[in-house]
PDB file of N, CA and C in Angstrom:
ATOM      1  N   MET A   1      31.096  16.109  31.832  1.00  0.00           N
ATOM      2  CA  MET A   1      32.078  16.720  32.724  1.00  0.00           C
ATOM      3  C   MET A   1      32.874  17.746  31.936  1.00  0.00           C
ATOM      4  N   THR A   2      33.355  18.710  32.649  1.00  0.00           N
ATOM      5  CA  THR A   2      34.087  19.805  32.008  1.00  0.00           C
ATOM      6  C   THR A   2      35.568  19.435  31.823  1.00  0.00           C
ATOM      7  N   GLY A   3      36.189  20.053  30.887  1.00  0.00           N
ATOM      8  CA  GLY A   3      37.614  19.872  30.735  1.00  0.00           C
ATOM      9  C   GLY A   3      38.423  20.717  31.706  1.00  0.00           C
ATOM     10  N   THR A   4      37.785  21.738  32.262  1.00  0.00           N
ATOM     11  CA  THR A   4      38.487  22.609  33.216  1.00  0.00           C
ATOM     12  C   THR A   4      37.583  22.881  34.404  1.00  0.00           C
ATOM     13  N   PRO A   5      37.475  21.884  35.313  1.00  0.00           N
ATOM     14  CA  PRO A   5      36.697  22.106  36.514  1.00  0.00           C
ATOM     15  C   PRO A   5      37.356  23.185  37.396  1.00  0.00           C
ATOM     16  N   VAL A   6      36.583  24.056  37.898  1.00  0.00           N
ATOM     17  CA  VAL A   6      37.103  25.139  38.756  1.00  0.00           C
ATOM     18  C   VAL A   6      36.402  25.014  40.110  1.00  0.00           C
ATOM     19  N   GLU A   7      37.179  24.950  41.146  1.00  0.00           N
ATOM     20  CA  GLU A   7      36.654  24.880  42.505  1.00  0.00           C
ATOM     21  C   GLU A   7      37.030  26.147  43.248  1.00  0.00           C
ATOM     22  N   ASN A   8      36.084  26.626  44.007  1.00  0.00           N
ATOM     23  CA  ASN A   8      36.374  27.789  44.870  1.00  0.00           C
ATOM     24  C   ASN A   8      36.889  27.307  46.227  1.00  0.00           C
ATOM     25  N   HIS A   9      36.559  26.072  46.566  1.00  0.00           N
ATOM     26  CA  HIS A   9      37.051  25.473  47.777  1.00  0.00           C
ATOM     27  C   HIS A   9      37.018  23.950  47.635  1.00  0.00           C
ATOM     28  N   LEU A  10      37.646  23.248  48.569  1.00  0.00           N
ATOM     29  CA  LEU A  10      37.739  21.784  48.429  1.00  0.00           C
ATOM     30  C   LEU A  10      36.395  21.090  48.544  1.00  0.00           C
ATOM     31  N   GLY A  11      35.422  21.718  49.187  1.00  0.00           N
ATOM     32  CA  GLY A  11      34.107  21.092  49.250  1.00  0.00           C
ATOM     33  C   GLY A  11      33.499  20.916  47.847  1.00  0.00           C
ATOM     34  N   GLU A  12      33.782  21.803  46.952  1.00  0.00           N
ATOM     35  CA  GLU A  12      33.307  21.669  45.577  1.00  0.00           C
ATOM     36  C   GLU A  12      34.003  20.513  44.858  1.00  0.00           C
ATOM     37  N   LEU A  13      35.285  20.325  45.161  1.00  0.00           N
ATOM     38  CA  LEU A  13      36.036  19.188  44.598  1.00  0.00           C
ATOM     39  C   LEU A  13      35.422  17.907  45.096  1.00  0.00           C
ATOM     40  N   TRP A  14      35.104  17.855  46.400  1.00  0.00           N
ATOM     41  CA  TRP A  14      34.478  16.653  46.973  1.00  0.00           C
ATOM     42  C   TRP A  14      33.156  16.389  46.261  1.00  0.00           C
ATOM     43  N   SER A  15      32.365  17.433  46.015  1.00  0.00           N
ATOM     44  CA  SER A  15      31.084  17.297  45.377  1.00  0.00           C
ATOM     45  C   SER A  15      31.229  16.718  43.955  1.00  0.00           C
ATOM     46  N   LEU A  16      32.183  17.186  43.209  1.00  0.00           N
ATOM     47  CA  LEU A  16      32.425  16.644  41.853  1.00  0.00           C
ATOM     48  C   LEU A  16      32.744  15.176  41.911  1.00  0.00           C
ATOM     49  N   PHE A  17      33.676  14.808  42.792  1.00  0.00           N
ATOM     50  CA  PHE A  17      34.050  13.414  42.875  1.00  0.00           C
ATOM     51  C   PHE A  17      32.974  12.544  43.485  1.00  0.00           C
ATOM     52  N   GLU A  18      32.171  13.085  44.370  1.00  0.00           N
ATOM     53  CA  GLU A  18      31.058  12.315  44.918  1.00  0.00           C
ATOM     54  C   GLU A  18      30.077  11.952  43.805  1.00  0.00           C
ATOM     55  N   PHE A  19      29.876  12.865  42.870  1.00  0.00           N
ATOM     56  CA  PHE A  19      29.002  12.604  41.723  1.00  0.00           C
ATOM     57  C   PHE A  19      29.630  11.555  40.789  1.00  0.00           C
ATOM     58  N   LEU A  20      30.929  11.700  40.520  1.00  0.00           N
ATOM     59  CA  LEU A  20      31.613  10.808  39.583  1.00  0.00           C
ATOM     60  C   LEU A  20      31.901   9.436  40.141  1.00  0.00           C
ATOM     61  N   ASN A  21      32.318   9.401  41.392  1.00  0.00           N
ATOM     62  CA  ASN A  21      32.747   8.146  42.015  1.00  0.00           C
ATOM     63  C   ASN A  21      32.342   8.176  43.476  1.00  0.00           C
ATOM     64  N   PRO A  22      31.081   7.913  43.776  1.00  0.00           N
ATOM     65  CA  PRO A  22      30.558   8.026  45.125  1.00  0.00           C
ATOM     66  C   PRO A  22      31.379   7.261  46.153  1.00  0.00           C
ATOM     67  N   GLY A  23      31.695   7.966  47.246  1.00  0.00           N
ATOM     68  CA  GLY A  23      32.431   7.339  48.345  1.00  0.00           C
ATOM     69  C   GLY A  23      33.929   7.404  48.228  1.00  0.00           C
ATOM     70  N   MET A  24      34.420   7.786  47.073  1.00  0.00           N
ATOM     71  CA  MET A  24      35.886   7.767  46.862  1.00  0.00           C
ATOM     72  C   MET A  24      36.634   8.652  47.856  1.00  0.00           C
ATOM     73  N   LEU A  25      36.087   9.834  48.146  1.00  0.00           N
ATOM     74  CA  LEU A  25      36.786  10.744  49.084  1.00  0.00           C
ATOM     75  C   LEU A  25      36.162  10.710  50.472  1.00  0.00           C
ATOM     76  N   GLY A  26      35.364   9.684  50.743  1.00  0.00           N
ATOM     77  CA  GLY A  26      34.769   9.560  52.069  1.00  0.00           C
ATOM     78  C   GLY A  26      33.522  10.431  52.241  1.00  0.00           C
ATOM     79  N   ARG A  27      33.056  10.527  53.443  1.00  0.00           N
ATOM     80  CA  ARG A  27      31.884  11.349  53.753  1.00  0.00           C
ATOM     81  C   ARG A  27      32.283  12.801  53.756  1.00  0.00           C
ATOM     82  N   SER A  28      31.322  13.682  53.436  1.00  0.00           N
ATOM     83  CA  SER A  28      31.636  15.103  53.351  1.00  0.00           C
ATOM     84  C   SER A  28      32.149  15.636  54.672  1.00  0.00           C
ATOM     85  N   THR A  29      31.607  15.189  55.810  1.00  0.00           N
ATOM     86  CA  THR A  29      32.079  15.697  57.106  1.00  0.00           C
ATOM     87  C   THR A  29      33.509  15.292  57.379  1.00  0.00           C
ATOM     88  N   ALA A  30      33.864  14.071  57.044  1.00  0.00           N
ATOM     89  CA  ALA A  30      35.267  13.637  57.217  1.00  0.00           C
ATOM     90  C   ALA A  30      36.205  14.368  56.268  1.00  0.00           C
ATOM     91  N   PHE A  31      35.779  14.564  55.030  1.00  0.00           N
ATOM     92  CA  PHE A  31      36.596  15.287  54.057  1.00  0.00           C
ATOM     93  C   PHE A  31      36.782  16.725  54.489  1.00  0.00           C
ATOM     94  N   ARG A  32      35.725  17.341  55.008  1.00  0.00           N
ATOM     95  CA  ARG A  32      35.818  18.716  55.475  1.00  0.00           C
ATOM     96  C   ARG A  32      36.808  18.860  56.606  1.00  0.00           C
ATOM     97  N   ALA A  33      36.839  17.884  57.518  1.00  0.00           N
ATOM     98  CA  ALA A  33      37.754  17.899  58.651  1.00  0.00           C
ATOM     99  C   ALA A  33      39.190  17.769  58.156  1.00  0.00           C
ATOM    100  N   ILE A  34      39.415  16.904  57.199  1.00  0.00           N
ATOM    101  CA  ILE A  34      40.767  16.696  56.636  1.00  0.00           C
ATOM    102  C   ILE A  34      41.193  17.946  55.857  1.00  0.00           C
ATOM    103  N   SER A  35      40.279  18.525  55.094  1.00  0.00           N
ATOM    104  CA  SER A  35      40.650  19.641  54.228  1.00  0.00           C
ATOM    105  C   SER A  35      40.940  20.924  55.019  1.00  0.00           C
ATOM    106  N   LYS A  36      40.602  20.977  56.292  1.00  0.00           N
ATOM    107  CA  LYS A  36      40.942  22.141  57.097  1.00  0.00           C
ATOM    108  C   LYS A  36      42.456  22.263  57.299  1.00  0.00           C
ATOM    109  N   ASP A  37      43.167  21.136  57.222  1.00  0.00           N
ATOM    110  CA  ASP A  37      44.634  21.119  57.350  1.00  0.00           C
ATOM    111  C   ASP A  37      45.285  20.915  56.005  1.00  0.00           C
ATOM    112  N   ILE A  38      44.952  21.737  55.055  1.00  0.00           N
ATOM    113  CA  ILE A  38      45.561  21.657  53.727  1.00  0.00           C
ATOM    114  C   ILE A  38      46.548  22.802  53.592  1.00  0.00           C
ATOM    115  N   SER A  39      47.822  22.439  53.598  1.00  0.00           N
ATOM    116  CA  SER A  39      48.873  23.400  53.308  1.00  0.00           C
ATOM    117  C   SER A  39      49.902  22.653  52.465  1.00  0.00           C
ATOM    118  N   ALA A  40      50.811  23.362  51.898  1.00  0.00           N
ATOM    119  CA  ALA A  40      51.771  22.716  50.976  1.00  0.00           C
ATOM    120  C   ALA A  40      52.565  21.604  51.647  1.00  0.00           C
ATOM    121  N   GLU A  41      52.805  21.732  52.939  1.00  0.00           N
ATOM    122  CA  GLU A  41      53.617  20.722  53.647  1.00  0.00           C
ATOM    123  C   GLU A  41      52.777  19.633  54.292  1.00  0.00           C
ATOM    124  N   SER A  42      51.474  19.763  54.275  1.00  0.00           N
ATOM    125  CA  SER A  42      50.584  18.858  54.965  1.00  0.00           C
ATOM    126  C   SER A  42      50.622  17.465  54.402  1.00  0.00           C
ATOM    127  N   GLU A  43      50.509  16.460  55.249  1.00  0.00           N
ATOM    128  CA  GLU A  43      50.414  15.087  54.798  1.00  0.00           C
ATOM    129  C   GLU A  43      49.111  14.860  54.032  1.00  0.00           C
ATOM    130  N   ASN A  44      48.071  15.655  54.394  1.00  0.00           N
ATOM    131  CA  ASN A  44      46.771  15.541  53.725  1.00  0.00           C
ATOM    132  C   ASN A  44      46.846  15.940  52.269  1.00  0.00           C
ATOM    133  N   VAL A  45      47.714  16.877  51.926  1.00  0.00           N
ATOM    134  CA  VAL A  45      47.888  17.287  50.521  1.00  0.00           C
ATOM    135  C   VAL A  45      48.440  16.115  49.706  1.00  0.00           C
ATOM    136  N   GLY A  46      49.433  15.451  50.207  1.00  0.00           N
ATOM    137  CA  GLY A  46      49.995  14.298  49.542  1.00  0.00           C
ATOM    138  C   GLY A  46      48.998  13.195  49.366  1.00  0.00           C
ATOM    139  N   MET A  47      48.201  12.937  50.383  1.00  0.00           N
ATOM    140  CA  MET A  47      47.191  11.912  50.332  1.00  0.00           C
ATOM    141  C   MET A  47      46.131  12.248  49.283  1.00  0.00           C
ATOM    142  N   LEU A  48      45.682  13.502  49.269  1.00  0.00           N
ATOM    143  CA  LEU A  48      44.706  13.935  48.299  1.00  0.00           C
ATOM    144  C   LEU A  48      45.252  13.895  46.876  1.00  0.00           C
ATOM    145  N   ARG A  49      46.488  14.328  46.714  1.00  0.00           N
ATOM    146  CA  ARG A  49      47.134  14.310  45.405  1.00  0.00           C
ATOM    147  C   ARG A  49      47.239  12.893  44.845  1.00  0.00           C
ATOM    148  N   ARG A  50      47.644  11.952  45.682  1.00  0.00           N
ATOM    149  CA  ARG A  50      47.750  10.570  45.253  1.00  0.00           C
ATOM    150  C   ARG A  50      46.396   9.964  44.895  1.00  0.00           C
ATOM    151  N   ALA A  51      45.356  10.329  45.676  1.00  0.00           N
ATOM    152  CA  ALA A  51      44.035   9.780  45.389  1.00  0.00           C
ATOM    153  C   ALA A  51      43.467  10.329  44.079  1.00  0.00           C
ATOM    154  N   LEU A  52      43.741  11.581  43.783  1.00  0.00           N
ATOM    155  CA  LEU A  52      43.163  12.205  42.585  1.00  0.00           C
ATOM    156  C   LEU A  52      44.013  12.104  41.324  1.00  0.00           C
ATOM    157  N   ALA A  53      45.264  11.742  41.472  1.00  0.00           N
ATOM    158  CA  ALA A  53      46.189  11.693  40.329  1.00  0.00           C
ATOM    159  C   ALA A  53      45.662  10.900  39.119  1.00  0.00           C
ATOM    160  N   PRO A  54      45.051   9.771  39.302  1.00  0.00           N
ATOM    161  CA  PRO A  54      44.552   9.033  38.123  1.00  0.00           C
ATOM    162  C   PRO A  54      43.418   9.740  37.386  1.00  0.00           C
ATOM    163  N   PHE A  55      42.808  10.719  38.032  1.00  0.00           N
ATOM    164  CA  PHE A  55      41.631  11.377  37.441  1.00  0.00           C
ATOM    165  C   PHE A  55      41.899  12.780  36.889  1.00  0.00           C
ATOM    166  N   LEU A  56      43.002  13.360  37.291  1.00  0.00           N
ATOM    167  CA  LEU A  56      43.327  14.727  36.875  1.00  0.00           C
ATOM    168  C   LEU A  56      44.512  14.748  35.938  1.00  0.00           C
ATOM    169  N   LEU A  57      44.414  15.530  34.907  1.00  0.00           N
ATOM    170  CA  LEU A  57      45.501  15.672  33.946  1.00  0.00           C
ATOM    171  C   LEU A  57      45.685  17.145  33.675  1.00  0.00           C
ATOM    172  N   ARG A  58      46.880  17.635  33.922  1.00  0.00           N
ATOM    173  CA  ARG A  58      47.168  19.039  33.692  1.00  0.00           C
ATOM    174  C   ARG A  58      48.144  19.152  32.552  1.00  0.00           C
ATOM    175  N   ARG A  59      47.732  19.884  31.535  1.00  0.00           N
ATOM    176  CA  ARG A  59      48.612  20.140  30.379  1.00  0.00           C
ATOM    177  C   ARG A  59      48.605  21.660  30.107  1.00  0.00           C
ATOM    178  N   THR A  60      49.735  22.114  29.676  1.00  0.00           N
ATOM    179  CA  THR A  60      49.843  23.547  29.374  1.00  0.00           C
ATOM    180  C   THR A  60      49.480  23.793  27.909  1.00  0.00           C
ATOM    181  N   LYS A  61      49.218  25.031  27.594  1.00  0.00           N
ATOM    182  CA  LYS A  61      48.891  25.409  26.211  1.00  0.00           C
ATOM    183  C   LYS A  61      50.020  24.991  25.266  1.00  0.00           C
ATOM    184  N   GLU A  62      51.244  25.126  25.723  1.00  0.00           N
ATOM    185  CA  GLU A  62      52.394  24.784  24.884  1.00  0.00           C
ATOM    186  C   GLU A  62      52.386  23.280  24.544  1.00  0.00           C
ATOM    187  N   GLN A  63      51.917  22.454  25.461  1.00  0.00           N
ATOM    188  CA  GLN A  63      51.908  21.025  25.209  1.00  0.00           C
ATOM    189  C   GLN A  63      50.766  20.601  24.281  1.00  0.00           C
ATOM    190  N   VAL A  64      49.659  21.327  24.275  1.00  0.00           N
ATOM    191  CA  VAL A  64      48.469  20.898  23.561  1.00  0.00           C
ATOM    192  C   VAL A  64      48.236  21.674  22.272  1.00  0.00           C
ATOM    193  N   LEU A  65      48.446  22.940  22.311  1.00  0.00           N
ATOM    194  CA  LEU A  65      48.078  23.788  21.176  1.00  0.00           C
ATOM    195  C   LEU A  65      49.307  24.441  20.545  1.00  0.00           C
ATOM    196  N   THR A  66      50.187  23.609  20.065  1.00  0.00           N
ATOM    197  CA  THR A  66      51.430  24.120  19.525  1.00  0.00           C
ATOM    198  C   THR A  66      51.219  24.906  18.227  1.00  0.00           C
ATOM    199  N   GLU A  67      50.102  24.717  17.560  1.00  0.00           N
ATOM    200  CA  GLU A  67      49.842  25.424  16.283  1.00  0.00           C
ATOM    201  C   GLU A  67      49.336  26.847  16.501  1.00  0.00           C
ATOM    202  N   LEU A  68      48.985  27.206  17.731  1.00  0.00           N
ATOM    203  CA  LEU A  68      48.463  28.552  17.980  1.00  0.00           C
ATOM    204  C   LEU A  68      49.618  29.569  18.031  1.00  0.00           C
ATOM    205  N   PRO A  69      49.353  30.774  17.546  1.00  0.00           N
ATOM    206  CA  PRO A  69      50.399  31.821  17.643  1.00  0.00           C
ATOM    207  C   PRO A  69      50.525  32.296  19.085  1.00  0.00           C
ATOM    208  N   GLU A  70      51.558  32.990  19.364  1.00  0.00           N
ATOM    209  CA  GLU A  70      51.757  33.564  20.696  1.00  0.00           C
ATOM    210  C   GLU A  70      50.646  34.570  20.990  1.00  0.00           C
ATOM    211  N   LYS A  71      50.342  34.734  22.247  1.00  0.00           N
ATOM    212  CA  LYS A  71      49.314  35.667  22.674  1.00  0.00           C
ATOM    213  C   LYS A  71      49.800  37.108  22.404  1.00  0.00           C
ATOM    214  N   THR A  72      48.935  37.913  21.833  1.00  0.00           N
ATOM    215  CA  THR A  72      49.278  39.323  21.602  1.00  0.00           C
ATOM    216  C   THR A  72      48.217  40.143  22.269  1.00  0.00           C
ATOM    217  N   SER A  73      48.652  41.316  22.748  1.00  0.00           N
ATOM    218  CA  SER A  73      47.737  42.258  23.395  1.00  0.00           C
ATOM    219  C   SER A  73      47.715  43.543  22.579  1.00  0.00           C
ATOM    220  N   ARG A  74      46.558  44.189  22.509  1.00  0.00           N
ATOM    221  CA  ARG A  74      46.443  45.415  21.791  1.00  0.00           C
ATOM    222  C   ARG A  74      45.566  46.311  22.611  1.00  0.00           C
ATOM    223  N   ARG A  75      46.007  47.569  22.755  1.00  0.00           N
ATOM    224  CA  ARG A  75      45.241  48.548  23.497  1.00  0.00           C
ATOM    225  C   ARG A  75      44.133  49.092  22.620  1.00  0.00           C
ATOM    226  N   SER A  76      42.987  49.215  23.190  1.00  0.00           N
ATOM    227  CA  SER A  76      41.912  49.805  22.391  1.00  0.00           C
ATOM    228  C   SER A  76      41.950  51.321  22.534  1.00  0.00           C
ATOM    229  N   THR A  77      41.652  51.980  21.499  1.00  0.00           N
ATOM    230  CA  THR A  77      41.597  53.440  21.512  1.00  0.00           C
ATOM    231  C   THR A  77      40.146  53.877  21.640  1.00  0.00           C
ATOM    232  N   ALA A  78      39.764  54.288  22.811  1.00  0.00           N
ATOM    233  CA  ALA A  78      38.391  54.719  23.032  1.00  0.00           C
ATOM    234  C   ALA A  78      38.213  56.102  22.452  1.00  0.00           C
ATOM    235  N   THR A  79      37.086  56.283  21.776  1.00  0.00           N
ATOM    236  CA  THR A  79      36.788  57.618  21.184  1.00  0.00           C
ATOM    237  C   THR A  79      35.484  58.133  21.709  1.00  0.00           C
TER     238      THR A  79
END
């Protein structure tokens, strides 16, 4: 499994969890129906967040890689 799964839509999230823990998020058709009503205020968001919380961990670069220097940008000079 990857350390940084990226989903383009919730169907891909369902697919990952179906592989890891079959049946956890229900059938794909039921999940698809629920995921159509996903907005910040939706009850479905809270339900999904609670179900996935034990499996997802979000840490920032500042929390994990404190020994790295700050990001610097440099313009390239094309010739």
